[in-house]
Amino acid sequence: PPRAWADKDPAAAARLSAARAAVSALAETLNMPQENLITPDTVRRVCWEPPAEVSAESVGAALAGYGARPWQVEQVTPVLVAALSA
């Protein structure tokens, strides 16, 4: 569970924290529920095991691979790339 990430993988916990904040801010800007923008499970999966090279292409492909719709990939990829690169 994500609450145990800090002990198991502190870097993943930091990525998840940054990604959650970024997705939350984007959802607020778009005036839509965060869960509709991207599922929390998808964010967790990408943060636990990010692409070897973080780029718009690799993160977008990972999101799509976890079932994100094209419009979700388009909206969320830039903020996740920034969060994963921080």
PDB file of N, CA and C in Angstrom:
ATOM      1  N   PRO A   1       0.828  -1.208   0.000  1.00  0.00           N
ATOM      2  CA  PRO A   1       0.000   0.000   0.000  1.00  0.00           C
ATOM      3  C   PRO A   1       0.864   1.261   0.000  1.00  0.00           C
ATOM      4  N   PRO A   2       0.380   2.336  -0.595  1.00  0.00           N
ATOM      5  CA  PRO A   2       1.175   3.565  -0.690  1.00  0.00           C
ATOM      6  C   PRO A   2       1.682   4.095   0.648  1.00  0.00           C
ATOM      7  N   ARG A   3       0.960   3.842   1.735  1.00  0.00           N
ATOM      8  CA  ARG A   3       1.420   4.363   3.029  1.00  0.00           C
ATOM      9  C   ARG A   3       2.716   3.695   3.474  1.00  0.00           C
ATOM     10  N   ALA A   4       3.034   2.531   2.924  1.00  0.00           N
ATOM     11  CA  ALA A   4       4.266   1.828   3.276  1.00  0.00           C
ATOM     12  C   ALA A   4       5.413   2.169   2.329  1.00  0.00           C
ATOM     13  N   TRP A   5       5.123   2.969   1.311  1.00  0.00           N
ATOM     14  CA  TRP A   5       6.151   3.286   0.321  1.00  0.00           C
ATOM     15  C   TRP A   5       7.353   3.988   0.938  1.00  0.00           C
ATOM     16  N   ALA A   6       7.125   4.849   1.919  1.00  0.00           N
ATOM     17  CA  ALA A   6       8.224   5.612   2.511  1.00  0.00           C
ATOM     18  C   ALA A   6       9.282   4.678   3.087  1.00  0.00           C
ATOM     19  N   ASP A   7       8.846   3.534   3.616  1.00  0.00           N
ATOM     20  CA  ASP A   7       9.795   2.563   4.166  1.00  0.00           C
ATOM     21  C   ASP A   7      10.409   1.691   3.083  1.00  0.00           C
ATOM     22  N   LYS A   8       9.589   1.249   2.136  1.00  0.00           N
ATOM     23  CA  LYS A   8      10.053   0.314   1.111  1.00  0.00           C
ATOM     24  C   LYS A   8      10.857   0.991   0.008  1.00  0.00           C
ATOM     25  N   ASP A   9      10.406   2.171  -0.413  1.00  0.00           N
ATOM     26  CA  ASP A   9      11.059   2.881  -1.520  1.00  0.00           C
ATOM     27  C   ASP A   9      10.810   4.379  -1.370  1.00  0.00           C
ATOM     28  N   PRO A  10      11.658   5.059  -0.596  1.00  0.00           N
ATOM     29  CA  PRO A  10      11.452   6.489  -0.354  1.00  0.00           C
ATOM     30  C   PRO A  10      11.398   7.328  -1.636  1.00  0.00           C
ATOM     31  N   ALA A  11      12.152   6.947  -2.652  1.00  0.00           N
ATOM     32  CA  ALA A  11      12.127   7.706  -3.911  1.00  0.00           C
ATOM     33  C   ALA A  11      10.756   7.587  -4.574  1.00  0.00           C
ATOM     34  N   ALA A  12      10.173   6.399  -4.540  1.00  0.00           N
ATOM     35  CA  ALA A  12       8.833   6.206  -5.108  1.00  0.00           C
ATOM     36  C   ALA A  12       7.803   6.997  -4.315  1.00  0.00           C
ATOM     37  N   ALA A  13       7.960   7.038  -3.004  1.00  0.00           N
ATOM     38  CA  ALA A  13       7.043   7.811  -2.161  1.00  0.00           C
ATOM     39  C   ALA A  13       7.115   9.293  -2.513  1.00  0.00           C
ATOM     40  N   ALA A  14       8.316   9.792  -2.755  1.00  0.00           N
ATOM     41  CA  ALA A  14       8.479  11.197  -3.140  1.00  0.00           C
ATOM     42  C   ALA A  14       7.857  11.455  -4.504  1.00  0.00           C
ATOM     43  N   ARG A  15       8.044  10.516  -5.439  1.00  0.00           N
ATOM     44  CA  ARG A  15       7.426  10.663  -6.765  1.00  0.00           C
ATOM     45  C   ARG A  15       5.908  10.697  -6.652  1.00  0.00           C
ATOM     46  N   LEU A  16       5.359   9.803  -5.829  1.00  0.00           N
ATOM     47  CA  LEU A  16       3.910   9.740  -5.668  1.00  0.00           C
ATOM     48  C   LEU A  16       3.374  11.026  -5.056  1.00  0.00           C
ATOM     49  N   SER A  17       4.057  11.541  -4.067  1.00  0.00           N
ATOM     50  CA  SER A  17       3.624  12.787  -3.433  1.00  0.00           C
ATOM     51  C   SER A  17       3.609  13.936  -4.439  1.00  0.00           C
ATOM     52  N   ALA A  18       4.667  14.049  -5.218  1.00  0.00           N
ATOM     53  CA  ALA A  18       4.747  15.109  -6.231  1.00  0.00           C
ATOM     54  C   ALA A  18       3.683  14.920  -7.306  1.00  0.00           C
ATOM     55  N   ALA A  19       3.476  13.681  -7.724  1.00  0.00           N
ATOM     56  CA  ALA A  19       2.487  13.404  -8.770  1.00  0.00           C
ATOM     57  C   ALA A  19       1.074  13.685  -8.284  1.00  0.00           C
ATOM     58  N   ARG A  20       0.775  13.288  -7.063  1.00  0.00           N
ATOM     59  CA  ARG A  20      -0.563  13.552  -6.513  1.00  0.00           C
ATOM     60  C   ARG A  20      -0.836  15.050  -6.452  1.00  0.00           C
ATOM     61  N   ALA A  21       0.148  15.812  -6.002  1.00  0.00           N
ATOM     62  CA  ALA A  21      -0.031  17.265  -5.918  1.00  0.00           C
ATOM     63  C   ALA A  21      -0.237  17.865  -7.305  1.00  0.00           C
ATOM     64  N   ALA A  22       0.536  17.404  -8.269  1.00  0.00           N
ATOM     65  CA  ALA A  22       0.433  17.934  -9.633  1.00  0.00           C
ATOM     66  C   ALA A  22      -0.905  17.587 -10.270  1.00  0.00           C
ATOM     67  N   VAL A  23      -1.349  16.356 -10.102  1.00  0.00           N
ATOM     68  CA  VAL A  23      -2.630  15.931 -10.677  1.00  0.00           C
ATOM     69  C   VAL A  23      -3.776  16.670  -9.993  1.00  0.00           C
ATOM     70  N   SER A  24      -3.677  16.847  -8.693  1.00  0.00           N
ATOM     71  CA  SER A  24      -4.709  17.570  -7.952  1.00  0.00           C
ATOM     72  C   SER A  24      -4.822  19.013  -8.441  1.00  0.00           C
ATOM     73  N   ALA A  25      -3.684  19.663  -8.631  1.00  0.00           N
ATOM     74  CA  ALA A  25      -3.688  21.047  -9.120  1.00  0.00           C
ATOM     75  C   ALA A  25      -4.272  21.128 -10.526  1.00  0.00           C
ATOM     76  N   LEU A  26      -3.917  20.181 -11.380  1.00  0.00           N
ATOM     77  CA  LEU A  26      -4.451  20.171 -12.740  1.00  0.00           C
ATOM     78  C   LEU A  26      -5.957  19.941 -12.728  1.00  0.00           C
ATOM     79  N   ALA A  27      -6.419  19.016 -11.910  1.00  0.00           N
ATOM     80  CA  ALA A  27      -7.855  18.738 -11.821  1.00  0.00           C
ATOM     81  C   ALA A  27      -8.612  19.976 -11.355  1.00  0.00           C
ATOM     82  N   GLU A  28      -8.028  20.686 -10.406  1.00  0.00           N
ATOM     83  CA  GLU A  28      -8.663  21.915  -9.920  1.00  0.00           C
ATOM     84  C   GLU A  28      -8.722  22.961 -11.031  1.00  0.00           C
ATOM     85  N   THR A  29      -7.649  23.098 -11.783  1.00  0.00           N
ATOM     86  CA  THR A  29      -7.613  24.041 -12.902  1.00  0.00           C
ATOM     87  C   THR A  29      -8.669  23.693 -13.944  1.00  0.00           C
ATOM     88  N   LEU A  30      -8.841  22.409 -14.200  1.00  0.00           N
ATOM     89  CA  LEU A  30      -9.808  21.948 -15.198  1.00  0.00           C
ATOM     90  C   LEU A  30     -11.228  21.846 -14.634  1.00  0.00           C
ATOM     91  N   ASN A  31     -11.352  22.096 -13.327  1.00  0.00           N
ATOM     92  CA  ASN A  31     -12.648  22.051 -12.653  1.00  0.00           C
ATOM     93  C   ASN A  31     -13.328  20.687 -12.825  1.00  0.00           C
ATOM     94  N   MET A  32     -12.544  19.651 -12.537  1.00  0.00           N
ATOM     95  CA  MET A  32     -13.098  18.300 -12.623  1.00  0.00           C
ATOM     96  C   MET A  32     -12.534  17.452 -11.494  1.00  0.00           C
ATOM     97  N   PRO A  33     -13.244  16.400 -11.101  1.00  0.00           N
ATOM     98  CA  PRO A  33     -12.726  15.529 -10.042  1.00  0.00           C
ATOM     99  C   PRO A  33     -11.413  14.868 -10.472  1.00  0.00           C
ATOM    100  N   GLN A  34     -10.511  14.806  -9.532  1.00  0.00           N
ATOM    101  CA  GLN A  34      -9.195  14.221  -9.794  1.00  0.00           C
ATOM    102  C   GLN A  34      -9.322  12.791 -10.313  1.00  0.00           C
ATOM    103  N   GLU A  35     -10.265  12.029  -9.779  1.00  0.00           N
ATOM    104  CA  GLU A  35     -10.444  10.633 -10.176  1.00  0.00           C
ATOM    105  C   GLU A  35     -10.923  10.506 -11.619  1.00  0.00           C
ATOM    106  N   ASN A  36     -11.593  11.533 -12.133  1.00  0.00           N
ATOM    107  CA  ASN A  36     -12.031  11.513 -13.533  1.00  0.00           C
ATOM    108  C   ASN A  36     -10.884  11.868 -14.467  1.00  0.00           C
ATOM    109  N   LEU A  37      -9.975  12.688 -13.967  1.00  0.00           N
ATOM    110  CA  LEU A  37      -8.827  13.097 -14.770  1.00  0.00           C
ATOM    111  C   LEU A  37      -7.900  11.911 -15.017  1.00  0.00           C
ATOM    112  N   ILE A  38      -7.610  11.161 -13.961  1.00  0.00           N
ATOM    113  CA  ILE A  38      -6.776   9.960 -14.064  1.00  0.00           C
ATOM    114  C   ILE A  38      -7.018   9.134 -12.803  1.00  0.00           C
ATOM    115  N   THR A  39      -7.078   7.833 -12.936  1.00  0.00           N
ATOM    116  CA  THR A  39      -7.355   7.020 -11.751  1.00  0.00           C
ATOM    117  C   THR A  39      -6.161   7.041 -10.795  1.00  0.00           C
ATOM    118  N   PRO A  40      -6.436   7.053  -9.498  1.00  0.00           N
ATOM    119  CA  PRO A  40      -5.341   7.016  -8.527  1.00  0.00           C
ATOM    120  C   PRO A  40      -4.442   5.791  -8.720  1.00  0.00           C
ATOM    121  N   ASP A  41      -5.028   4.663  -9.115  1.00  0.00           N
ATOM    122  CA  ASP A  41      -4.240   3.452  -9.338  1.00  0.00           C
ATOM    123  C   ASP A  41      -3.220   3.655 -10.459  1.00  0.00           C
ATOM    124  N   THR A  42      -3.628   4.323 -11.517  1.00  0.00           N
ATOM    125  CA  THR A  42      -2.708   4.575 -12.631  1.00  0.00           C
ATOM    126  C   THR A  42      -1.546   5.443 -12.174  1.00  0.00           C
ATOM    127  N   VAL A  43      -1.841   6.476 -11.401  1.00  0.00           N
ATOM    128  CA  VAL A  43      -0.778   7.353 -10.886  1.00  0.00           C
ATOM    129  C   VAL A  43       0.174   6.546 -10.011  1.00  0.00           C
ATOM    130  N   ARG A  44      -0.378   5.724  -9.127  1.00  0.00           N
ATOM    131  CA  ARG A  44       0.478   4.898  -8.255  1.00  0.00           C
ATOM    132  C   ARG A  44       1.380   3.974  -9.066  1.00  0.00           C
ATOM    133  N   ARG A  45       0.824   3.328 -10.077  1.00  0.00           N
ATOM    134  CA  ARG A  45       1.616   2.392 -10.884  1.00  0.00           C
ATOM    135  C   ARG A  45       2.774   3.095 -11.596  1.00  0.00           C
ATOM    136  N   VAL A  46       2.486   4.245 -12.176  1.00  0.00           N
ATOM    137  CA  VAL A  46       3.539   4.979 -12.892  1.00  0.00           C
ATOM    138  C   VAL A  46       4.602   5.478 -11.916  1.00  0.00           C
ATOM    139  N   CYS A  47       4.190   5.865 -10.717  1.00  0.00           N
ATOM    140  CA  CYS A  47       5.154   6.364  -9.732  1.00  0.00           C
ATOM    141  C   CYS A  47       5.983   5.246  -9.108  1.00  0.00           C
ATOM    142  N   TRP A  48       5.386   4.079  -8.944  1.00  0.00           N
ATOM    143  CA  TRP A  48       6.126   2.964  -8.354  1.00  0.00           C
ATOM    144  C   TRP A  48       7.191   2.458  -9.312  1.00  0.00           C
ATOM    145  N   GLU A  49       6.816   2.360 -10.579  1.00  0.00           N
ATOM    146  CA  GLU A  49       7.747   1.858 -11.585  1.00  0.00           C
ATOM    147  C   GLU A  49       7.720   2.781 -12.800  1.00  0.00           C
ATOM    148  N   PRO A  50       8.388   3.939 -12.694  1.00  0.00           N
ATOM    149  CA  PRO A  50       8.371   4.883 -13.816  1.00  0.00           C
ATOM    150  C   PRO A  50       9.190   4.351 -14.993  1.00  0.00           C
ATOM    151  N   PRO A  51       8.960   4.907 -16.174  1.00  0.00           N
ATOM    152  CA  PRO A  51       9.780   4.503 -17.326  1.00  0.00           C
ATOM    153  C   PRO A  51      11.261   4.758 -17.037  1.00  0.00           C
ATOM    154  N   ALA A  52      12.117   3.959 -17.636  1.00  0.00           N
ATOM    155  CA  ALA A  52      13.562   4.106 -17.426  1.00  0.00           C
ATOM    156  C   ALA A  52      14.025   5.512 -17.783  1.00  0.00           C
ATOM    157  N   GLU A  53      13.520   6.023 -18.876  1.00  0.00           N
ATOM    158  CA  GLU A  53      13.816   7.402 -19.266  1.00  0.00           C
ATOM    159  C   GLU A  53      12.501   8.165 -19.262  1.00  0.00           C
ATOM    160  N   VAL A  54      12.403   9.139 -18.373  1.00  0.00           N
ATOM    161  CA  VAL A  54      11.161   9.898 -18.236  1.00  0.00           C
ATOM    162  C   VAL A  54      11.080  10.942 -19.343  1.00  0.00           C
ATOM    163  N   SER A  55      10.087  10.773 -20.204  1.00  0.00           N
ATOM    164  CA  SER A  55       9.830  11.727 -21.286  1.00  0.00           C
ATOM    165  C   SER A  55       8.331  11.729 -21.538  1.00  0.00           C
ATOM    166  N   ALA A  56       7.866  12.690 -22.312  1.00  0.00           N
ATOM    167  CA  ALA A  56       6.441  12.739 -22.643  1.00  0.00           C
ATOM    168  C   ALA A  56       6.013  11.449 -23.340  1.00  0.00           C
ATOM    169  N   GLU A  57       6.856  10.947 -24.210  1.00  0.00           N
ATOM    170  CA  GLU A  57       6.518   9.732 -24.950  1.00  0.00           C
ATOM    171  C   GLU A  57       6.432   8.519 -24.024  1.00  0.00           C
ATOM    172  N   SER A  58       7.426   8.359 -23.157  1.00  0.00           N
ATOM    173  CA  SER A  58       7.449   7.171 -22.300  1.00  0.00           C
ATOM    174  C   SER A  58       6.360   7.212 -21.234  1.00  0.00           C
ATOM    175  N   VAL A  59       6.130   8.375 -20.652  1.00  0.00           N
ATOM    176  CA  VAL A  59       5.081   8.494 -19.638  1.00  0.00           C
ATOM    177  C   VAL A  59       3.709   8.337 -20.290  1.00  0.00           C
ATOM    178  N   GLY A  60       3.521   8.947 -21.447  1.00  0.00           N
ATOM    179  CA  GLY A  60       2.257   8.798 -22.169  1.00  0.00           C
ATOM    180  C   GLY A  60       1.981   7.348 -22.519  1.00  0.00           C
ATOM    181  N   ALA A  61       3.015   6.636 -22.946  1.00  0.00           N
ATOM    182  CA  ALA A  61       2.861   5.217 -23.281  1.00  0.00           C
ATOM    183  C   ALA A  61       2.521   4.401 -22.034  1.00  0.00           C
ATOM    184  N   ALA A  62       3.156   4.728 -20.912  1.00  0.00           N
ATOM    185  CA  ALA A  62       2.856   4.017 -19.666  1.00  0.00           C
ATOM    186  C   ALA A  62       1.410   4.255 -19.247  1.00  0.00           C
ATOM    187  N   LEU A  63       0.967   5.502 -19.319  1.00  0.00           N
ATOM    188  CA  LEU A  63      -0.422   5.814 -18.964  1.00  0.00           C
ATOM    189  C   LEU A  63      -1.392   5.046 -19.857  1.00  0.00           C
ATOM    190  N   ALA A  64      -1.131   5.067 -21.146  1.00  0.00           N
ATOM    191  CA  ALA A  64      -1.994   4.346 -22.089  1.00  0.00           C
ATOM    192  C   ALA A  64      -1.976   2.851 -21.792  1.00  0.00           C
ATOM    193  N   GLY A  65      -0.808   2.337 -21.447  1.00  0.00           N
ATOM    194  CA  GLY A  65      -0.684   0.924 -21.122  1.00  0.00           C
ATOM    195  C   GLY A  65      -1.489   0.521 -19.895  1.00  0.00           C
ATOM    196  N   TYR A  66      -1.691   1.460 -18.989  1.00  0.00           N
ATOM    197  CA  TYR A  66      -2.497   1.199 -17.797  1.00  0.00           C
ATOM    198  C   TYR A  66      -3.969   1.519 -18.022  1.00  0.00           C
ATOM    199  N   GLY A  67      -4.330   1.835 -19.263  1.00  0.00           N
ATOM    200  CA  GLY A  67      -5.739   2.010 -19.592  1.00  0.00           C
ATOM    201  C   GLY A  67      -6.248   3.433 -19.635  1.00  0.00           C
ATOM    202  N   ALA A  68      -5.358   4.418 -19.531  1.00  0.00           N
ATOM    203  CA  ALA A  68      -5.810   5.808 -19.609  1.00  0.00           C
ATOM    204  C   ALA A  68      -6.300   6.103 -21.022  1.00  0.00           C
ATOM    205  N   ARG A  69      -7.345   6.889 -21.100  1.00  0.00           N
ATOM    206  CA  ARG A  69      -7.895   7.279 -22.400  1.00  0.00           C
ATOM    207  C   ARG A  69      -6.988   8.329 -23.041  1.00  0.00           C
ATOM    208  N   PRO A  70      -7.067   8.476 -24.361  1.00  0.00           N
ATOM    209  CA  PRO A  70      -6.207   9.453 -25.046  1.00  0.00           C
ATOM    210  C   PRO A  70      -6.303  10.869 -24.476  1.00  0.00           C
ATOM    211  N   TRP A  71      -7.501  11.339 -24.141  1.00  0.00           N
ATOM    212  CA  TRP A  71      -7.623  12.698 -23.600  1.00  0.00           C
ATOM    213  C   TRP A  71      -6.974  12.795 -22.225  1.00  0.00           C
ATOM    214  N   GLN A  72      -7.013  11.693 -21.443  1.00  0.00           N
ATOM    215  CA  GLN A  72      -6.366  11.689 -20.138  1.00  0.00           C
ATOM    216  C   GLN A  72      -4.848  11.739 -20.297  1.00  0.00           C
ATOM    217  N   VAL A  73      -4.345  10.949 -21.233  1.00  0.00           N
ATOM    218  CA  VAL A  73      -2.902  10.942 -21.504  1.00  0.00           C
ATOM    219  C   VAL A  73      -2.452  12.342 -21.901  1.00  0.00           C
ATOM    220  N   GLU A  74      -3.208  12.985 -22.773  1.00  0.00           N
ATOM    221  CA  GLU A  74      -2.859  14.327 -23.253  1.00  0.00           C
ATOM    222  C   GLU A  74      -2.811  15.340 -22.112  1.00  0.00           C
ATOM    223  N   GLN A  75      -3.773  15.274 -21.210  1.00  0.00           N
ATOM    224  CA  GLN A  75      -3.844  16.242 -20.113  1.00  0.00           C
ATOM    225  C   GLN A  75      -2.809  15.968 -19.017  1.00  0.00           C
ATOM    226  N   VAL A  76      -2.642  14.713 -18.665  1.00  0.00           N
ATOM    227  CA  VAL A  76      -1.868  14.358 -17.474  1.00  0.00           C
ATOM    228  C   VAL A  76      -0.373  14.187 -17.739  1.00  0.00           C
ATOM    229  N   THR A  77      -0.007  13.780 -18.935  1.00  0.00           N
ATOM    230  CA  THR A  77       1.405  13.501 -19.217  1.00  0.00           C
ATOM    231  C   THR A  77       2.339  14.655 -18.841  1.00  0.00           C
ATOM    232  N   PRO A  78       2.064  15.902 -19.244  1.00  0.00           N
ATOM    233  CA  PRO A  78       3.018  16.971 -18.904  1.00  0.00           C
ATOM    234  C   PRO A  78       3.244  17.139 -17.399  1.00  0.00           C
ATOM    235  N   VAL A  79       2.175  17.046 -16.596  1.00  0.00           N
ATOM    236  CA  VAL A  79       2.363  17.243 -15.158  1.00  0.00           C
ATOM    237  C   VAL A  79       3.062  16.041 -14.523  1.00  0.00           C
ATOM    238  N   LEU A  80       2.812  14.845 -15.044  1.00  0.00           N
ATOM    239  CA  LEU A  80       3.516  13.682 -14.497  1.00  0.00           C
ATOM    240  C   LEU A  80       4.987  13.676 -14.891  1.00  0.00           C
ATOM    241  N   VAL A  81       5.289  14.092 -16.096  1.00  0.00           N
ATOM    242  CA  VAL A  81       6.698  14.185 -16.501  1.00  0.00           C
ATOM    243  C   VAL A  81       7.433  15.133 -15.556  1.00  0.00           C
ATOM    244  N   ALA A  82       6.830  16.275 -15.270  1.00  0.00           N
ATOM    245  CA  ALA A  82       7.454  17.241 -14.356  1.00  0.00           C
ATOM    246  C   ALA A  82       7.612  16.644 -12.959  1.00  0.00           C
ATOM    247  N   ALA A  83       6.581  15.953 -12.472  1.00  0.00           N
ATOM    248  CA  ALA A  83       6.640  15.368 -11.129  1.00  0.00           C
ATOM    249  C   ALA A  83       7.674  14.247 -11.050  1.00  0.00           C
ATOM    250  N   LEU A  84       7.753  13.427 -12.072  1.00  0.00           N
ATOM    251  CA  LEU A  84       8.701  12.312 -12.066  1.00  0.00           C
ATOM    252  C   LEU A  84      10.138  12.779 -12.279  1.00  0.00           C
ATOM    253  N   SER A  85      10.299  13.945 -12.866  1.00  0.00           N
ATOM    254  CA  SER A  85      11.640  14.476 -13.135  1.00  0.00           C
ATOM    255  C   SER A  85      12.177  15.303 -11.973  1.00  0.00           C
ATOM    256  N   ALA A  86      11.324  15.620 -11.022  1.00  0.00           N
ATOM    257  CA  ALA A  86      11.720  16.506  -9.910  1.00  0.00           C
ATOM    258  C   ALA A  86      12.681  15.820  -8.966  1.00  0.00           C
TER     259      ALA A  86
END
